[in-house]
Amino acid sequence: MDIKISSETIFYTIESTIKEYRKYSQKKLSNEVNDMTIDQGMILAFLNKYPDKTQKEIAAMAFKDSASMTRMLDLMEKKNYLKRSINETNRRRFNIKITTKGKQVLKILTPVIANNRQHALKGLSEEEITQLEIILKKIKSNCT
């Protein structure tokens, strides 16, 4: 039995699609906020929506390991996008809050993110998008 080379599989197509989307999104995002990465924008959005989540929980949502998340938060704190403080009830945890500057940047990024998604899904019907989501969730479920 022959095994398909990676570029002939659906997984290659999925991964290359994500890479192209991230490249496109980063370009559009950088036009508005030149010192922000997609991942940093995603972290701001998560913190805005889930202000009480821990660093570990936000890292899991962003698919980041602990060390990567710490480096990213260090950089974002230096840029004054967020502020960390020791949690009074559990000194091993940090409270992470978005600063005023972070909220201003998030306000700029929100329409950019919406436009990026709209552009990427252009030409797809709601039914196609729903079906694609169902299929991808099945594949994910098979692997967990």
C-alpha atoms as a PDB file:
ATOM      1  CA  MET A   1       0.000   0.000   0.000  1.00  0.00           C
ATOM      2  CA  ASP A   2       1.353   3.402  -0.972  1.00  0.00           C
ATOM      3  CA  ILE A   3       1.255   6.175   1.553  1.00  0.00           C
ATOM      4  CA  LYS A   4       0.327   9.563   0.165  1.00  0.00           C
ATOM      5  CA  ILE A   5       3.002  12.176   0.517  1.00  0.00           C
ATOM      6  CA  SER A   6       2.026  14.920   2.902  1.00  0.00           C
ATOM      7  CA  SER A   7       1.182  17.478   0.213  1.00  0.00           C
ATOM      8  CA  GLU A   8      -1.504  15.115  -1.104  1.00  0.00           C
ATOM      9  CA  THR A   9      -3.422  14.863   2.166  1.00  0.00           C
ATOM     10  CA  ILE A  10      -6.228  16.906   3.656  1.00  0.00           C
ATOM     11  CA  PHE A  11      -4.004  17.627   6.659  1.00  0.00           C
ATOM     12  CA  TYR A  12      -1.481  19.388   4.433  1.00  0.00           C
ATOM     13  CA  THR A  13      -4.302  21.456   2.959  1.00  0.00           C
ATOM     14  CA  ILE A  14      -5.621  22.351   6.412  1.00  0.00           C
ATOM     15  CA  GLU A  15      -2.183  23.360   7.677  1.00  0.00           C
ATOM     16  CA  SER A  16      -1.235  25.341   4.572  1.00  0.00           C
ATOM     17  CA  THR A  17      -4.604  27.130   4.725  1.00  0.00           C
ATOM     18  CA  ILE A  18      -4.000  28.156   8.334  1.00  0.00           C
ATOM     19  CA  LYS A  19      -0.470  29.354   7.503  1.00  0.00           C
ATOM     20  CA  GLU A  20      -1.738  31.463   4.589  1.00  0.00           C
ATOM     21  CA  TYR A  21      -4.535  32.897   6.732  1.00  0.00           C
ATOM     22  CA  ARG A  22      -2.090  33.796   9.505  1.00  0.00           C
ATOM     23  CA  LYS A  23       0.287  35.426   7.005  1.00  0.00           C
ATOM     24  CA  TYR A  24      -2.559  37.447   5.455  1.00  0.00           C
ATOM     25  CA  SER A  25      -3.926  38.395   8.886  1.00  0.00           C
ATOM     26  CA  GLN A  26      -0.512  39.441  10.213  1.00  0.00           C
ATOM     27  CA  LYS A  27       0.009  41.724   7.220  1.00  0.00           C
ATOM     28  CA  LYS A  28      -3.368  43.417   7.746  1.00  0.00           C
ATOM     29  CA  LEU A  29      -2.868  43.639  11.502  1.00  0.00           C
ATOM     30  CA  SER A  30       0.620  45.149  11.091  1.00  0.00           C
ATOM     31  CA  ASN A  31      -0.832  47.869   8.869  1.00  0.00           C
ATOM     32  CA  GLU A  32      -2.834  49.056  11.891  1.00  0.00           C
ATOM     33  CA  VAL A  33      -0.611  48.191  14.877  1.00  0.00           C
ATOM     34  CA  ASN A  34       2.952  47.617  13.748  1.00  0.00           C
ATOM     35  CA  ASP A  35       4.348  46.126  16.974  1.00  0.00           C
ATOM     36  CA  MET A  36       1.603  43.523  17.516  1.00  0.00           C
ATOM     37  CA  THR A  37       1.566  39.886  16.445  1.00  0.00           C
ATOM     38  CA  ILE A  38      -1.527  37.824  15.727  1.00  0.00           C
ATOM     39  CA  ASP A  39      -0.865  35.788  18.861  1.00  0.00           C
ATOM     40  CA  GLN A  40      -0.574  38.920  21.005  1.00  0.00           C
ATOM     41  CA  GLY A  41      -3.833  40.231  19.560  1.00  0.00           C
ATOM     42  CA  MET A  42      -5.456  36.889  20.302  1.00  0.00           C
ATOM     43  CA  ILE A  43      -4.217  37.048  23.907  1.00  0.00           C
ATOM     44  CA  LEU A  44      -5.706  40.545  24.312  1.00  0.00           C
ATOM     45  CA  ALA A  45      -9.026  39.320  22.895  1.00  0.00           C
ATOM     46  CA  PHE A  46      -9.066  36.307  25.239  1.00  0.00           C
ATOM     47  CA  LEU A  47      -8.218  38.460  28.268  1.00  0.00           C
ATOM     48  CA  ASN A  48     -10.917  40.935  27.311  1.00  0.00           C
ATOM     49  CA  LYS A  49     -13.550  38.217  27.004  1.00  0.00           C
ATOM     50  CA  TYR A  50     -12.338  36.099  29.944  1.00  0.00           C
ATOM     51  CA  PRO A  51     -10.758  38.531  32.453  1.00  0.00           C
ATOM     52  CA  ASP A  52     -10.680  35.980  35.283  1.00  0.00           C
ATOM     53  CA  LYS A  53      -8.920  33.184  33.393  1.00  0.00           C
ATOM     54  CA  THR A  54      -5.479  32.165  34.604  1.00  0.00           C
ATOM     55  CA  GLN A  55      -2.310  32.445  32.561  1.00  0.00           C
ATOM     56  CA  LYS A  56      -2.379  28.666  32.140  1.00  0.00           C
ATOM     57  CA  GLU A  57      -5.981  28.709  30.871  1.00  0.00           C
ATOM     58  CA  ILE A  58      -5.265  31.531  28.407  1.00  0.00           C
ATOM     59  CA  ALA A  59      -2.163  29.649  27.196  1.00  0.00           C
ATOM     60  CA  ALA A  60      -4.272  26.554  26.508  1.00  0.00           C
ATOM     61  CA  MET A  61      -6.829  28.618  24.581  1.00  0.00           C
ATOM     62  CA  ALA A  62      -4.009  30.097  22.473  1.00  0.00           C
ATOM     63  CA  PHE A  63      -2.271  26.713  21.965  1.00  0.00           C
ATOM     64  CA  LYS A  64       0.863  27.998  23.726  1.00  0.00           C
ATOM     65  CA  ASP A  65       3.148  26.200  26.151  1.00  0.00           C
ATOM     66  CA  SER A  66       3.931  27.812  29.482  1.00  0.00           C
ATOM     67  CA  ALA A  67       7.350  29.186  28.472  1.00  0.00           C
ATOM     68  CA  SER A  68       6.043  30.720  25.229  1.00  0.00           C
ATOM     69  CA  MET A  69       3.133  32.284  27.065  1.00  0.00           C
ATOM     70  CA  THR A  70       5.414  33.772  29.716  1.00  0.00           C
ATOM     71  CA  ARG A  71       7.694  35.293  27.048  1.00  0.00           C
ATOM     72  CA  MET A  72       4.709  36.708  25.185  1.00  0.00           C
ATOM     73  CA  LEU A  73       3.215  38.226  28.346  1.00  0.00           C
ATOM     74  CA  ASP A  74       6.610  39.691  29.309  1.00  0.00           C
ATOM     75  CA  LEU A  75       6.810  41.418  25.929  1.00  0.00           C
ATOM     76  CA  MET A  76       3.204  42.604  26.073  1.00  0.00           C
ATOM     77  CA  GLU A  77       3.784  43.999  29.558  1.00  0.00           C
ATOM     78  CA  LYS A  78       6.891  45.877  28.335  1.00  0.00           C
ATOM     79  CA  LYS A  79       4.744  47.372  25.559  1.00  0.00           C
ATOM     80  CA  ASN A  80       2.188  48.373  28.224  1.00  0.00           C
ATOM     81  CA  TYR A  81      -0.637  46.280  26.699  1.00  0.00           C
ATOM     82  CA  LEU A  82      -1.249  44.450  29.970  1.00  0.00           C
ATOM     83  CA  LYS A  83      -0.279  44.416  33.615  1.00  0.00           C
ATOM     84  CA  ARG A  84       0.428  41.386  35.792  1.00  0.00           C
ATOM     85  CA  SER A  85       0.175  41.303  39.555  1.00  0.00           C
ATOM     86  CA  ILE A  86       0.512  38.552  42.145  1.00  0.00           C
ATOM     87  CA  ASN A  87      -2.779  36.888  43.054  1.00  0.00           C
ATOM     88  CA  GLU A  88      -3.374  37.507  46.760  1.00  0.00           C
ATOM     89  CA  THR A  89      -5.098  34.156  47.401  1.00  0.00           C
ATOM     90  CA  ASN A  90      -2.621  32.043  45.408  1.00  0.00           C
ATOM     91  CA  ARG A  91       0.843  33.576  45.187  1.00  0.00           C
ATOM     92  CA  ARG A  92       1.841  31.153  42.409  1.00  0.00           C
ATOM     93  CA  ARG A  93      -0.749  32.770  40.117  1.00  0.00           C
ATOM     94  CA  PHE A  94      -0.760  36.119  38.403  1.00  0.00           C
ATOM     95  CA  ASN A  95      -3.713  38.381  37.799  1.00  0.00           C
ATOM     96  CA  ILE A  96      -3.507  39.670  34.230  1.00  0.00           C
ATOM     97  CA  LYS A  97      -5.351  42.849  33.305  1.00  0.00           C
ATOM     98  CA  ILE A  98      -5.508  44.734  30.021  1.00  0.00           C
ATOM     99  CA  THR A  99      -4.213  48.296  30.305  1.00  0.00           C
ATOM    100  CA  THR A 100      -5.837  51.364  28.768  1.00  0.00           C
ATOM    101  CA  LYS A 101      -3.337  51.144  25.895  1.00  0.00           C
ATOM    102  CA  GLY A 102      -4.215  47.460  25.441  1.00  0.00           C
ATOM    103  CA  LYS A 103      -7.917  48.311  25.276  1.00  0.00           C
ATOM    104  CA  GLN A 104      -7.236  51.029  22.696  1.00  0.00           C
ATOM    105  CA  VAL A 105      -5.286  48.558  20.554  1.00  0.00           C
ATOM    106  CA  LEU A 106      -8.038  45.966  20.916  1.00  0.00           C
ATOM    107  CA  LYS A 107     -10.548  48.542  19.675  1.00  0.00           C
ATOM    108  CA  ILE A 108      -8.375  49.019  16.562  1.00  0.00           C
ATOM    109  CA  LEU A 109      -7.884  45.268  16.057  1.00  0.00           C
ATOM    110  CA  THR A 110     -11.517  44.186  16.384  1.00  0.00           C
ATOM    111  CA  PRO A 111     -12.651  45.389  12.924  1.00  0.00           C
ATOM    112  CA  VAL A 112      -9.372  44.184  11.371  1.00  0.00           C
ATOM    113  CA  ILE A 113      -9.975  40.678  12.714  1.00  0.00           C
ATOM    114  CA  ALA A 114     -13.590  40.731  11.509  1.00  0.00           C
ATOM    115  CA  ASN A 115     -12.481  41.867   8.035  1.00  0.00           C
ATOM    116  CA  ASN A 116      -9.753  39.203   7.892  1.00  0.00           C
ATOM    117  CA  ARG A 117     -12.261  36.473   8.684  1.00  0.00           C
ATOM    118  CA  GLN A 118     -14.795  37.844   6.217  1.00  0.00           C
ATOM    119  CA  HIS A 119     -12.134  37.994   3.484  1.00  0.00           C
ATOM    120  CA  ALA A 120     -10.951  34.436   4.155  1.00  0.00           C
ATOM    121  CA  LEU A 121     -14.507  33.053   4.038  1.00  0.00           C
ATOM    122  CA  LYS A 122     -15.500  35.058   0.944  1.00  0.00           C
ATOM    123  CA  GLY A 123     -17.398  32.913  -1.544  1.00  0.00           C
ATOM    124  CA  LEU A 124     -18.428  30.303   1.024  1.00  0.00           C
ATOM    125  CA  SER A 125     -22.093  29.900   1.876  1.00  0.00           C
ATOM    126  CA  GLU A 126     -23.281  29.638   5.485  1.00  0.00           C
ATOM    127  CA  GLU A 127     -24.074  25.995   4.760  1.00  0.00           C
ATOM    128  CA  GLU A 128     -20.519  25.334   3.519  1.00  0.00           C
ATOM    129  CA  ILE A 129     -19.033  27.027   6.571  1.00  0.00           C
ATOM    130  CA  THR A 130     -21.267  24.997   8.897  1.00  0.00           C
ATOM    131  CA  GLN A 131     -20.411  21.755   7.094  1.00  0.00           C
ATOM    132  CA  LEU A 132     -16.689  22.537   7.222  1.00  0.00           C
ATOM    133  CA  GLU A 133     -16.931  23.182  10.959  1.00  0.00           C
ATOM    134  CA  ILE A 134     -18.738  19.869  11.487  1.00  0.00           C
ATOM    135  CA  ILE A 135     -16.104  17.974   9.493  1.00  0.00           C
ATOM    136  CA  LEU A 136     -13.165  19.605  11.274  1.00  0.00           C
ATOM    137  CA  LYS A 137     -14.733  18.941  14.689  1.00  0.00           C
ATOM    138  CA  LYS A 138     -15.158  15.259  13.750  1.00  0.00           C
ATOM    139  CA  ILE A 139     -11.491  15.015  12.753  1.00  0.00           C
ATOM    140  CA  LYS A 140     -10.476  16.722  16.001  1.00  0.00           C
ATOM    141  CA  SER A 141     -12.715  14.406  18.018  1.00  0.00           C
ATOM    142  CA  ASN A 142     -11.139  11.374  16.346  1.00  0.00           C
ATOM    143  CA  CYS A 143      -7.750  12.546  17.598  1.00  0.00           C
ATOM    144  CA  THR A 144      -8.652  13.332  21.191  1.00  0.00           C
END
